[in-house]
Amino acid sequence: MTYPPVPPSPDVPGRPGVPGPYGTTADPGESLTPGLVAPVRRRTGVIVGGVVGGVLVLGGLGAWAAVSLGGGGAQPASVLPASSPLYLQVDLDPSAGQKVNLMRLAGKFPDLSEAWGIELDEDTDVKQVITDALADARGCEIDYAADVEPWLGDRFGVAMSAQDEDAGVLALAVKDEDAAREALESGLGCQDGAASEQVAFSNGYAIITTSGVAAADVVAEAEKAPLADADLFTANMDALGDTGVLAFWMDAQALKEMSDEALSDLADDPALGDLFDGSPLGDQLDASTAALEDYESIGGAVRATPDALELVTSVGVHGETLANFKNQTKHSTVEVLPQTTLFALAGTVDGAAVEEAWAQLPQLAAMNDPWSGTSDFDRTVDTLAYQYDIHLPEDLVTLLGEQVIIAIDSEGLDDVAAIQGTQDVNLGLRTVGDTADLQDLADRINTLIARTGSAPFATAETGDGFVLATNDRYAKALTGDGTLGDSETYRSVTGDDEAVAMFLDIDALTEVLRGNLMGGDEMLRYVEPLRAIGVTSAVEGNHALATVRISFD
């Protein structure tokens, strides 16, 4: 089954001690982000660590990382090298209108200001919040108004070195270069600062590097070929559109090369070789990196609308992978489900991909249980074939068809204690496929179910396929023209010309929980502000887009 683009993400173990960027050698004990990872020797300063650490603060809290970039001016990508395989940018002072939207959403959660220890309104200074939080964590004091505000700008970007994934570069927007250098090199009394050669300036940004990397060399390389002018980067950012307050980009082929090299090193390691070389785990990791072959770049952005937060990813692809993504964006029938739908999962199915995934299951079973995993798996498959005439994976491919929707309805879930069997829950599957083959499979499944003493599945035909459901009433409902697509809740998390892969009605879920949880009102206070979650996909040119939206009441 093909869902919206989620690119492979193989782990890339660090390789300290290899040649560093710009003809230098990186010190494995050094970190660009001392606020996150304590380095062994000189650290680049509380402000650098605070700003980068703030990325995680923003992402973890989920409130700040949702605002459109405010104002003009150079972006960090304009002062970082085009050779950078990985890049992240953050806006620290979003526009007033977007900040109001964000505060409106954050204000829907009870006690949020008290929990974070900050006031949430349109006048909140994100930069001061980050600086104060880091200073508190280190047990020191910083006068933000006197020592930081006069020089700290509104954006920053972080890039990985193309030569060494252990080395990085921070581009921090500044308003006063002299004051910025003094603060960065002194650490403002909270810790050791950056060495003088680790700080340089370019086009309104302080360039701060890890130990052993000359910041001036980074500036020189970026002036010759900035990331902002790189074809893959600009194409991906253009496909994303609004980059929000937080955006990221990765060169997929550069990451693939680093992953391949790291896996090769692991396989050659005497202590780890047997774990990776020729093992099921090694085969899985090799397959993950091989899957990157058709990927060019991977980008994403977090942004806000007045009533929703959204994460959008853009994946530059070509070849068969692009064709698969285009196939998945075919019109689905989620919008014709009943308006009382609680949850729906939909996707376009590639039968060959299903069979390929199935072939990996014995290896996964062996990883789970090295002694009998594979034999138990094969025995189960053989039993289904010989005793019940269920043949896998062929029958699974038939069941999923060309397109499939799995849905569960909220009706009847208000009192879970009253549920006596599966027929009391409205759960069903709607498949686009060969009706005769699907009916034959349903009959065989029901024969198997009958031997367990459970109620059989209800079935029904549609114009282009088949429905399998837990009861006759819901089977009929899944064949008709429901009005989910007319629901404001559904429309709050789906967009025009987008294929819907997942929908969850959180309002309906809240009511289900309210009726079945003893004393659950306290927990529901943090769920009630949410309205729905949706996952959609689309293709623009050679970029596959996926959007995750969370809407608010």
Protein backbone atom coordinates (compact mmCIF):
# COMPACT_ATOMS: atom_id res chain seq x y z
CA MET A 1 0.00 0.00 0.00
CA THR A 2 1.40 3.40 -0.90
CA TYR A 3 0.84 6.22 1.54
CA PRO A 4 2.01 9.87 1.37
CA PRO A 5 5.74 10.23 0.94
CA VAL A 6 7.66 9.31 4.05
CA PRO A 7 11.26 9.04 2.90
CA PRO A 8 13.54 6.36 4.28
CA SER A 9 15.52 7.54 7.26
CA PRO A 10 18.42 5.19 7.92
CA ASP A 11 20.39 5.88 11.05
CA VAL A 12 23.81 7.38 10.34
CA PRO A 13 26.21 6.58 13.19
CA GLY A 14 28.83 9.25 13.82
CA ARG A 15 32.37 8.71 12.64
CA PRO A 16 34.71 10.86 14.75
CA GLY A 17 38.27 11.54 13.72
CA VAL A 18 37.74 11.61 9.95
CA PRO A 19 38.90 14.64 7.93
CA GLY A 20 36.77 17.64 8.80
CA PRO A 21 35.29 20.33 6.58
CA TYR A 22 37.25 22.88 4.64
CA GLY A 23 40.54 20.95 4.86
CA THR A 24 40.59 20.66 8.66
CA THR A 25 40.14 17.90 11.20
CA ALA A 26 37.10 17.91 13.45
CA ASP A 27 37.53 17.22 17.14
CA PRO A 28 35.11 14.41 18.10
CA GLY A 29 34.65 16.00 21.51
CA GLU A 30 33.34 19.24 20.08
CA SER A 31 29.73 20.12 19.37
CA LEU A 32 28.13 23.02 17.56
CA THR A 33 25.26 22.86 20.04
CA PRO A 34 26.66 22.90 23.57
CA GLY A 35 23.22 23.58 24.94
CA LEU A 36 22.25 20.08 23.81
CA VAL A 37 25.45 18.01 23.97
CA ALA A 38 28.16 18.95 26.44
CA PRO A 39 31.52 19.13 24.61
CA VAL A 40 34.80 18.02 26.08
CA ARG A 41 36.79 21.21 25.51
CA ARG A 42 35.96 24.73 24.36
CA ARG A 43 32.29 25.44 23.88
CA THR A 44 30.78 27.91 21.45
CA GLY A 45 28.83 29.88 24.02
CA VAL A 46 25.54 30.09 25.83
CA ILE A 47 23.87 32.09 23.09
CA VAL A 48 24.74 29.62 20.32
CA GLY A 49 23.64 26.69 22.42
CA GLY A 50 20.54 28.53 23.53
CA VAL A 51 19.36 29.37 20.04
CA VAL A 52 19.95 25.89 18.67
CA GLY A 53 18.59 24.29 21.82
CA GLY A 54 15.57 26.49 21.34
CA VAL A 55 14.73 24.55 18.19
CA LEU A 56 13.97 21.54 20.33
CA VAL A 57 12.14 23.67 22.86
CA LEU A 58 9.97 25.06 20.11
CA GLY A 59 9.37 21.71 18.47
CA GLY A 60 8.75 19.89 21.73
CA LEU A 61 6.21 22.37 22.99
CA GLY A 62 4.65 22.56 19.56
CA ALA A 63 3.41 26.11 20.03
CA TRP A 64 6.04 28.32 18.50
CA ALA A 65 6.99 26.15 15.54
CA ALA A 66 3.97 27.01 13.47
CA VAL A 67 4.23 30.59 12.31
CA SER A 68 5.00 32.04 8.88
CA LEU A 69 8.33 33.80 8.48
CA GLY A 70 7.95 37.49 9.10
CA GLY A 71 9.69 40.26 7.22
CA GLY A 72 12.21 40.26 4.44
CA GLY A 73 16.00 40.14 4.47
CA ALA A 74 18.57 37.48 3.77
CA GLN A 75 17.81 33.92 4.78
CA PRO A 76 20.48 31.75 6.49
CA ALA A 77 20.79 29.62 3.34
CA SER A 78 22.31 32.63 1.57
CA VAL A 79 25.40 32.56 3.83
CA LEU A 80 25.90 28.78 4.08
CA PRO A 81 27.72 26.61 1.50
CA ALA A 82 25.83 24.89 -1.32
CA SER A 83 27.71 21.69 -0.45
CA SER A 84 25.81 21.37 2.86
CA PRO A 85 23.88 18.07 2.84
CA LEU A 86 21.57 19.01 5.72
CA TYR A 87 20.06 22.36 6.67
CA LEU A 88 17.63 23.76 9.25
CA GLN A 89 16.30 27.30 9.53
CA VAL A 90 14.22 28.95 12.27
CA ASP A 91 12.59 32.35 12.57
CA LEU A 92 12.79 33.79 16.08
CA ASP A 93 10.50 36.79 15.63
CA PRO A 94 7.46 35.92 13.54
CA SER A 95 5.21 38.56 12.05
CA ALA A 96 2.61 40.12 14.32
CA GLY A 97 -0.39 38.63 12.51
CA GLN A 98 0.99 35.12 12.59
CA LYS A 99 2.04 35.50 16.23
CA VAL A 100 -1.56 36.40 17.10
CA ASN A 101 -2.74 33.22 15.35
CA LEU A 102 -0.24 31.16 17.27
CA MET A 103 -1.08 32.70 20.61
CA ARG A 104 -4.74 32.07 19.86
CA LEU A 105 -4.05 28.38 19.37
CA ALA A 106 -1.73 28.11 22.38
CA GLY A 107 -4.28 29.89 24.53
CA LYS A 108 -6.75 27.07 23.97
CA PHE A 109 -4.74 24.79 26.25
CA PRO A 110 -5.37 25.20 29.97
CA ASP A 111 -2.54 26.19 32.27
CA LEU A 112 -0.02 26.33 29.42
CA SER A 113 1.51 29.62 30.53
CA GLU A 114 1.88 28.31 34.09
CA ALA A 115 3.41 25.02 32.95
CA TRP A 116 6.02 26.79 30.81
CA GLY A 117 6.53 29.64 33.24
CA ILE A 118 6.00 32.27 30.53
CA GLU A 119 3.25 34.60 29.40
CA LEU A 120 1.76 33.66 26.05
CA ASP A 121 0.61 36.70 24.10
CA GLU A 122 1.52 38.61 20.94
CA ASP A 123 4.19 40.56 22.86
CA THR A 124 6.10 37.45 23.97
CA ASP A 125 9.77 37.64 22.89
CA VAL A 126 10.79 34.14 21.86
CA LYS A 127 14.48 35.09 21.94
CA GLN A 128 14.27 36.17 25.57
CA VAL A 129 12.35 33.02 26.50
CA ILE A 130 15.12 30.86 25.00
CA THR A 131 17.94 32.88 26.57
CA ASP A 132 16.33 32.86 30.02
CA ALA A 133 15.61 29.13 29.84
CA LEU A 134 19.20 28.26 28.97
CA ALA A 135 20.61 30.57 31.62
CA ASP A 136 18.33 28.96 34.23
CA ALA A 137 19.46 25.50 33.12
CA ARG A 138 23.11 26.47 33.59
CA GLY A 139 22.54 28.25 36.89
CA CYS A 140 23.77 31.63 35.70
CA GLU A 141 22.26 35.03 35.01
CA ILE A 142 22.10 36.93 31.73
CA ASP A 143 20.74 40.43 31.31
CA TYR A 144 18.85 39.86 28.07
CA ALA A 145 18.01 43.53 27.51
CA ALA A 146 21.62 44.65 27.97
CA ASP A 147 23.71 41.70 26.74
CA VAL A 148 21.65 39.95 24.05
CA GLU A 149 18.81 41.99 22.63
CA PRO A 150 21.04 44.73 21.16
CA TRP A 151 22.81 42.32 18.79
CA LEU A 152 20.69 39.17 18.32
CA GLY A 153 18.77 39.05 15.04
CA ASP A 154 15.59 37.25 14.08
CA ARG A 155 16.73 34.11 12.22
CA PHE A 156 19.26 31.34 12.36
CA GLY A 157 20.24 28.33 10.30
CA VAL A 158 22.28 25.22 10.99
CA ALA A 159 24.08 23.20 8.31
CA MET A 160 26.02 19.95 8.30
CA SER A 161 29.42 19.82 6.66
CA ALA A 162 29.59 17.93 3.38
CA GLN A 163 32.97 16.50 4.35
CA ASP A 164 32.17 15.38 7.89
CA GLU A 165 28.74 14.82 9.44
CA ASP A 166 30.29 15.47 12.87
CA ALA A 167 31.05 19.09 11.91
CA GLY A 168 28.45 21.81 11.60
CA VAL A 169 27.98 25.50 11.00
CA LEU A 170 25.58 27.93 12.64
CA ALA A 171 24.46 31.09 10.83
CA LEU A 172 22.96 33.46 13.38
CA ALA A 173 21.39 36.75 12.32
CA VAL A 174 22.93 39.70 14.16
CA LYS A 175 22.32 43.44 14.32
CA ASP A 176 25.70 44.46 15.77
CA GLU A 177 28.78 42.46 14.75
CA ASP A 178 31.09 43.81 17.42
CA ALA A 179 28.62 43.14 20.25
CA ALA A 180 27.83 39.71 18.81
CA ARG A 181 31.50 38.71 18.67
CA GLU A 182 32.07 39.86 22.23
CA ALA A 183 29.09 37.84 23.50
CA LEU A 184 29.88 34.72 21.48
CA GLU A 185 33.56 34.66 22.47
CA SER A 186 32.94 35.49 26.13
CA GLY A 187 30.02 33.12 26.76
CA LEU A 188 28.46 35.96 28.83
CA GLY A 189 29.78 34.46 32.04
CA CYS A 190 27.82 31.21 31.70
CA GLN A 191 30.48 29.08 30.02
CA ASP A 192 33.53 29.22 27.77
CA GLY A 193 32.90 31.03 24.54
CA ALA A 194 33.92 30.36 20.96
CA ALA A 195 37.50 30.75 19.75
CA SER A 196 38.04 33.84 17.61
CA GLU A 197 38.66 31.75 14.47
CA GLN A 198 35.30 30.06 14.98
CA VAL A 199 33.40 33.32 14.45
CA ALA A 200 33.10 35.31 11.22
CA PHE A 201 30.45 37.54 9.68
CA SER A 202 28.65 37.61 6.35
CA ASN A 203 25.67 39.63 5.11
CA GLY A 204 24.16 40.24 8.53
CA TYR A 205 24.94 36.81 9.98
CA ALA A 206 27.48 35.52 12.47
CA ILE A 207 29.00 32.28 11.17
CA ILE A 208 29.96 30.02 14.09
CA THR A 209 31.77 26.74 13.50
CA THR A 210 32.82 23.71 15.46
CA SER A 211 36.39 23.54 16.80
CA GLY A 212 38.99 22.99 14.10
CA VAL A 213 36.92 24.67 11.40
CA ALA A 214 37.81 28.22 10.39
CA ALA A 215 34.64 30.28 10.08
CA ALA A 216 36.32 32.51 7.47
CA ASP A 217 36.73 29.46 5.20
CA VAL A 218 33.02 28.73 5.46
CA VAL A 219 32.20 32.33 4.56
CA ALA A 220 34.52 32.18 1.54
CA GLU A 221 32.96 28.96 0.26
CA ALA A 222 29.42 30.27 0.74
CA GLU A 223 30.25 33.49 -1.11
CA LYS A 224 31.34 31.43 -4.11
CA ALA A 225 28.37 29.02 -4.01
CA PRO A 226 25.59 29.64 -1.45
CA LEU A 227 23.04 26.99 -0.58
CA ALA A 228 20.27 29.44 -1.49
CA ASP A 229 21.37 29.18 -5.15
CA ALA A 230 21.66 25.37 -5.28
CA ASP A 231 19.18 23.88 -7.75
CA LEU A 232 17.96 20.99 -5.57
CA PHE A 233 17.48 23.30 -2.59
CA THR A 234 15.58 26.02 -4.42
CA ALA A 235 13.36 23.50 -6.25
CA ASN A 236 12.41 21.87 -2.98
CA MET A 237 11.74 25.15 -1.17
CA ASP A 238 9.65 26.35 -4.13
CA ALA A 239 7.57 23.17 -3.95
CA LEU A 240 7.02 23.73 -0.22
CA GLY A 241 5.81 27.29 -0.71
CA ASP A 242 5.50 29.02 2.67
CA THR A 243 8.44 27.79 4.74
CA GLY A 244 6.89 28.75 8.08
CA VAL A 245 8.91 29.44 11.19
CA LEU A 246 10.86 26.20 10.93
CA ALA A 247 12.07 24.57 7.73
CA PHE A 248 14.58 21.88 6.88
CA TRP A 249 16.26 20.38 3.82
CA MET A 250 18.41 17.33 3.10
CA ASP A 251 20.42 16.23 0.07
CA ALA A 252 19.18 12.66 -0.20
CA GLN A 253 22.09 11.32 -2.25
CA ALA A 254 24.70 12.83 0.07
CA LEU A 255 22.92 11.23 3.02
CA LYS A 256 22.79 7.92 1.15
CA GLU A 257 26.55 8.02 0.61
CA MET A 258 27.18 8.75 4.28
CA SER A 259 24.78 5.97 5.31
CA ASP A 260 26.43 3.46 2.98
CA GLU A 261 29.86 4.35 4.33
CA ALA A 262 28.71 4.15 7.94
CA LEU A 263 27.08 0.75 7.40
CA SER A 264 30.24 -0.49 5.68
CA ASP A 265 32.29 0.61 8.68
CA LEU A 266 29.91 -1.23 11.01
CA ALA A 267 30.10 -4.39 8.94
CA ASP A 268 33.93 -4.25 9.11
CA ASP A 269 33.92 -3.79 12.87
CA PRO A 270 35.05 -7.09 14.50
CA ALA A 271 32.67 -6.59 17.41
CA LEU A 272 29.62 -5.66 15.32
CA GLY A 273 30.23 -7.28 11.94
CA ASP A 274 28.10 -10.37 12.62
CA LEU A 275 25.19 -8.15 13.68
CA PHE A 276 25.16 -6.16 10.43
CA ASP A 277 26.90 -8.14 7.68
CA GLY A 278 24.48 -10.58 6.03
CA SER A 279 22.04 -10.52 8.96
CA PRO A 280 18.32 -9.66 8.72
CA LEU A 281 19.06 -6.34 10.43
CA GLY A 282 21.87 -5.61 8.00
CA ASP A 283 19.65 -6.52 5.05
CA GLN A 284 16.95 -4.16 6.33
CA LEU A 285 19.41 -1.30 6.71
CA ASP A 286 20.86 -1.97 3.25
CA ALA A 287 17.34 -1.93 1.80
CA SER A 288 16.61 1.37 3.55
CA THR A 289 19.63 3.10 2.06
CA ALA A 290 19.02 1.52 -1.36
CA ALA A 291 15.48 2.94 -1.28
CA LEU A 292 17.03 6.42 -1.37
CA GLU A 293 18.27 5.83 -4.91
CA ASP A 294 15.33 7.64 -6.54
CA TYR A 295 15.32 10.47 -3.98
CA GLU A 296 16.96 13.80 -4.79
CA SER A 297 16.14 15.93 -1.77
CA ILE A 298 13.85 16.01 1.26
CA GLY A 299 12.45 19.22 2.71
CA GLY A 300 9.82 20.27 5.17
CA ALA A 301 8.22 23.19 6.99
CA VAL A 302 6.12 23.77 10.09
CA ARG A 303 3.56 26.56 9.79
CA ALA A 304 0.25 27.82 11.11
CA THR A 305 -3.12 29.01 9.92
CA PRO A 306 -5.61 30.73 12.20
CA ASP A 307 -7.18 27.38 13.10
CA ALA A 308 -4.55 24.73 12.44
CA LEU A 309 -0.92 23.68 12.66
CA GLU A 310 0.61 21.84 9.75
CA LEU A 311 3.79 20.00 8.87
CA VAL A 312 4.45 19.84 5.13
CA THR A 313 7.17 17.70 3.56
CA SER A 314 8.44 17.92 0.00
CA VAL A 315 10.39 15.04 -1.49
CA GLY A 316 12.21 15.47 -4.79
CA VAL A 317 12.04 12.12 -6.57
CA HIS A 318 12.39 10.59 -10.01
CA GLY A 319 11.96 7.26 -11.77
CA GLU A 320 9.67 4.56 -10.45
CA THR A 321 9.35 6.23 -7.06
CA LEU A 322 7.86 9.37 -8.64
CA ALA A 323 5.44 7.21 -10.62
CA ASN A 324 4.37 5.49 -7.40
CA PHE A 325 3.74 8.81 -5.68
CA LYS A 326 1.70 10.05 -8.64
CA ASN A 327 -0.33 6.85 -8.51
CA GLN A 328 -1.08 7.32 -4.82
CA THR A 329 -2.65 10.74 -5.37
CA LYS A 330 -5.56 9.27 -7.32
CA HIS A 331 -8.95 10.39 -6.08
CA SER A 332 -9.99 8.42 -3.01
CA THR A 333 -13.47 7.91 -1.60
CA VAL A 334 -12.84 8.98 1.99
CA GLU A 335 -15.16 11.95 1.53
CA VAL A 336 -18.13 9.67 0.76
CA LEU A 337 -17.88 7.86 4.10
CA PRO A 338 -20.60 8.55 6.69
CA GLN A 339 -20.32 11.91 8.42
CA THR A 340 -20.12 10.07 11.75
CA THR A 341 -16.78 8.50 10.75
CA LEU A 342 -14.36 8.51 13.66
CA PHE A 343 -11.25 7.30 11.86
CA ALA A 344 -10.33 6.44 8.28
CA LEU A 345 -7.12 5.17 6.72
CA ALA A 346 -6.85 5.14 2.93
CA GLY A 347 -4.24 4.35 0.31
CA THR A 348 -3.52 3.33 -3.23
CA VAL A 349 -2.14 -0.19 -3.33
CA ASP A 350 0.77 -1.58 -5.32
CA GLY A 351 0.33 -5.35 -5.33
CA ALA A 352 3.99 -5.95 -6.11
CA ALA A 353 5.02 -3.77 -3.16
CA VAL A 354 2.70 -5.75 -0.87
CA GLU A 355 4.30 -9.02 -1.97
CA GLU A 356 7.77 -7.55 -1.53
CA ALA A 357 6.92 -6.37 1.98
CA TRP A 358 5.46 -9.77 2.80
CA ALA A 359 8.70 -11.42 1.77
CA GLN A 360 10.46 -9.46 4.53
CA LEU A 361 8.19 -10.79 7.28
CA PRO A 362 10.05 -14.10 7.82
CA GLN A 363 13.26 -12.13 8.45
CA LEU A 364 11.47 -9.88 10.91
CA ALA A 365 10.07 -12.96 12.66
CA ALA A 366 13.57 -14.39 12.88
CA MET A 367 14.84 -11.14 14.41
CA ASN A 368 12.07 -11.34 17.00
CA ASP A 369 12.66 -14.98 17.80
CA PRO A 370 15.97 -16.30 16.39
CA TRP A 371 15.19 -19.88 17.46
CA SER A 372 11.74 -20.47 16.00
CA GLY A 373 10.52 -17.19 14.48
CA THR A 374 10.81 -18.16 10.81
CA SER A 375 9.50 -21.69 11.27
CA ASP A 376 6.50 -20.47 13.30
CA PHE A 377 5.69 -17.89 10.65
CA ASP A 378 5.89 -20.40 7.81
CA ARG A 379 3.82 -22.89 9.81
CA THR A 380 1.06 -20.35 10.32
CA VAL A 381 0.98 -19.47 6.62
CA ASP A 382 0.86 -23.16 5.66
CA THR A 383 -1.96 -23.83 8.14
CA LEU A 384 -4.08 -21.01 6.70
CA ALA A 385 -3.54 -22.41 3.20
CA TYR A 386 -4.18 -26.09 3.86
CA GLN A 387 -6.96 -25.88 6.45
CA TYR A 388 -8.78 -22.69 5.54
CA ASP A 389 -7.92 -22.08 1.87
CA ILE A 390 -6.44 -18.66 2.72
CA HIS A 391 -3.34 -18.12 0.59
CA LEU A 392 -0.88 -15.40 1.56
CA PRO A 393 0.23 -13.00 0.27
CA GLU A 394 -1.99 -13.51 -2.79
CA ASP A 395 -5.26 -13.15 -0.88
CA LEU A 396 -3.94 -10.09 0.94
CA VAL A 397 -3.27 -8.42 -2.42
CA THR A 398 -6.84 -9.27 -3.46
CA LEU A 399 -8.29 -7.89 -0.24
CA LEU A 400 -6.46 -4.57 -0.56
CA GLY A 401 -7.29 -4.21 -4.26
CA GLU A 402 -6.25 -1.09 -6.15
CA GLN A 403 -7.40 1.27 -3.41
CA VAL A 404 -8.55 0.55 0.11
CA ILE A 405 -10.19 2.43 2.97
CA ILE A 406 -10.40 1.14 6.53
CA ALA A 407 -12.97 3.03 8.59
CA ILE A 408 -14.47 2.99 12.06
CA ASP A 409 -17.60 4.92 13.00
CA SER A 410 -18.27 6.80 16.22
CA GLU A 411 -21.87 5.59 16.47
CA GLY A 412 -22.31 2.91 19.13
CA LEU A 413 -19.10 3.74 20.98
CA ASP A 414 -20.71 6.00 23.57
CA ASP A 415 -21.05 3.00 25.92
CA VAL A 416 -18.23 0.51 25.42
CA ALA A 417 -19.57 -1.68 28.23
CA ALA A 418 -22.62 -2.47 26.09
CA ILE A 419 -20.51 -3.95 23.29
CA GLN A 420 -21.01 -7.71 23.20
CA GLY A 421 -19.10 -8.57 20.04
CA THR A 422 -17.50 -7.21 16.90
CA GLN A 423 -20.92 -6.78 15.29
CA ASP A 424 -21.65 -4.02 17.82
CA VAL A 425 -18.75 -1.92 16.50
CA ASN A 426 -19.07 -0.22 13.13
CA LEU A 427 -15.81 -1.22 11.48
CA GLY A 428 -15.34 -1.87 7.80
CA LEU A 429 -13.12 -2.03 4.75
CA ARG A 430 -14.00 -0.65 1.32
CA THR A 431 -11.88 -1.93 -1.56
CA VAL A 432 -11.64 -0.96 -5.21
CA GLY A 433 -11.05 -4.24 -7.00
CA ASP A 434 -12.52 -7.31 -8.69
CA THR A 435 -15.92 -7.91 -7.07
CA ALA A 436 -16.09 -11.64 -7.80
CA ASP A 437 -12.61 -12.30 -6.42
CA LEU A 438 -13.36 -10.22 -3.32
CA GLN A 439 -16.64 -12.05 -2.68
CA ASP A 440 -14.89 -15.40 -3.00
CA LEU A 441 -12.23 -14.28 -0.52
CA ALA A 442 -14.87 -12.94 1.89
CA ASP A 443 -16.64 -16.32 1.81
CA ARG A 444 -13.42 -18.10 2.71
CA ILE A 445 -12.68 -15.62 5.51
CA ASN A 446 -16.16 -16.10 6.92
CA THR A 447 -15.69 -19.88 6.84
CA LEU A 448 -12.61 -19.40 8.99
CA ILE A 449 -14.44 -17.03 11.34
CA ALA A 450 -17.38 -19.43 11.70
CA ARG A 451 -15.04 -22.06 13.14
CA THR A 452 -14.15 -19.65 15.93
CA GLY A 453 -17.80 -19.12 16.86
CA SER A 454 -17.70 -15.41 16.02
CA ALA A 455 -20.21 -13.53 13.87
CA PRO A 456 -19.30 -13.48 10.16
CA PHE A 457 -18.47 -10.30 8.29
CA ALA A 458 -21.20 -8.59 6.33
CA THR A 459 -20.48 -7.97 2.65
CA ALA A 460 -21.80 -5.65 -0.04
CA GLU A 461 -20.89 -4.65 -3.56
CA THR A 462 -20.09 -1.15 -4.78
CA GLY A 463 -19.85 0.21 -8.30
CA ASP A 464 -16.10 -0.36 -8.36
CA GLY A 465 -15.44 -2.91 -5.69
CA PHE A 466 -16.52 -4.44 -2.44
CA VAL A 467 -17.24 -3.76 1.23
CA LEU A 468 -16.43 -6.00 4.19
CA ALA A 469 -17.88 -4.84 7.52
CA THR A 470 -18.73 -6.02 11.01
CA ASN A 471 -22.50 -5.71 10.46
CA ASP A 472 -25.02 -5.33 7.65
CA ARG A 473 -26.03 -1.79 8.53
CA TYR A 474 -22.48 -0.46 8.38
CA ALA A 475 -21.72 -2.44 5.22
CA LYS A 476 -24.65 -0.68 3.55
CA ALA A 477 -23.49 2.69 4.88
CA LEU A 478 -20.04 2.16 3.35
CA THR A 479 -21.52 1.48 -0.10
CA GLY A 480 -23.53 4.69 -0.21
CA ASP A 481 -22.69 8.31 -0.78
CA GLY A 482 -21.92 9.57 2.70
CA THR A 483 -21.39 13.22 3.52
CA LEU A 484 -18.09 13.22 5.40
CA GLY A 485 -16.67 15.49 2.71
CA ASP A 486 -19.27 18.13 3.58
CA SER A 487 -18.23 18.17 7.23
CA GLU A 488 -16.42 21.30 8.43
CA THR A 489 -14.34 19.06 10.69
CA TYR A 490 -13.16 17.02 7.70
CA ARG A 491 -12.47 20.11 5.60
CA SER A 492 -10.43 21.66 8.43
CA VAL A 493 -7.63 19.12 7.86
CA THR A 494 -7.87 18.41 4.13
CA GLY A 495 -7.06 20.57 1.13
CA ASP A 496 -8.25 20.88 -2.43
CA ASP A 497 -6.65 18.51 -4.95
CA GLU A 498 -5.08 16.43 -2.18
CA ALA A 499 -5.46 12.69 -1.68
CA VAL A 500 -6.56 11.91 1.87
CA ALA A 501 -4.56 9.15 3.56
CA MET A 502 -5.77 9.50 7.14
CA PHE A 503 -8.54 11.28 9.04
CA LEU A 504 -9.26 11.30 12.76
CA ASP A 505 -12.20 13.21 14.23
CA ILE A 506 -10.79 14.25 17.62
CA ASP A 507 -14.07 15.94 18.62
CA ALA A 508 -15.86 12.62 18.18
CA LEU A 509 -13.04 10.76 19.93
CA THR A 510 -13.32 13.15 22.87
CA GLU A 511 -17.01 12.34 23.25
CA VAL A 512 -16.28 8.61 23.08
CA LEU A 513 -13.67 8.95 25.80
CA ARG A 514 -15.91 11.17 27.90
CA GLY A 515 -18.60 8.51 27.92
CA ASN A 516 -16.26 5.69 28.85
CA LEU A 517 -13.58 7.13 31.15
CA MET A 518 -14.21 7.35 34.87
CA GLY A 519 -13.03 10.76 36.05
CA GLY A 520 -11.41 11.47 32.69
CA ASP A 521 -12.43 15.13 32.47
CA GLU A 522 -9.04 16.32 33.72
CA MET A 523 -7.21 14.47 30.95
CA LEU A 524 -9.74 15.56 28.33
CA ARG A 525 -9.02 19.21 29.08
CA TYR A 526 -5.88 18.80 26.99
CA VAL A 527 -7.68 17.01 24.16
CA GLU A 528 -10.78 19.17 23.89
CA PRO A 529 -9.06 22.09 22.13
CA LEU A 530 -8.15 19.78 19.24
CA ARG A 531 -10.64 19.24 16.44
CA ALA A 532 -9.19 16.76 13.94
CA ILE A 533 -6.04 15.35 12.37
CA GLY A 534 -5.59 14.74 8.68
CA VAL A 535 -2.81 13.41 6.45
CA THR A 536 -2.92 14.26 2.76
CA SER A 537 -0.64 13.98 -0.26
CA ALA A 538 -0.14 15.58 -3.65
CA VAL A 539 2.46 15.73 -6.42
CA GLU A 540 3.78 18.94 -7.97
CA GLY A 541 6.20 18.36 -10.82
CA ASN A 542 8.81 15.95 -9.51
CA HIS A 543 8.07 16.69 -5.85
CA ALA A 544 5.81 14.53 -3.70
CA LEU A 545 4.13 16.55 -0.96
CA ALA A 546 2.66 15.24 2.28
CA THR A 547 0.83 17.38 4.82
CA VAL A 548 -0.08 16.58 8.41
CA ARG A 549 -2.67 19.03 9.77
CA ILE A 550 -4.02 19.39 13.29
CA SER A 551 -7.04 21.67 13.52
CA PHE A 552 -8.40 23.36 16.63
CA ASP A 553 -11.93 24.14 17.77
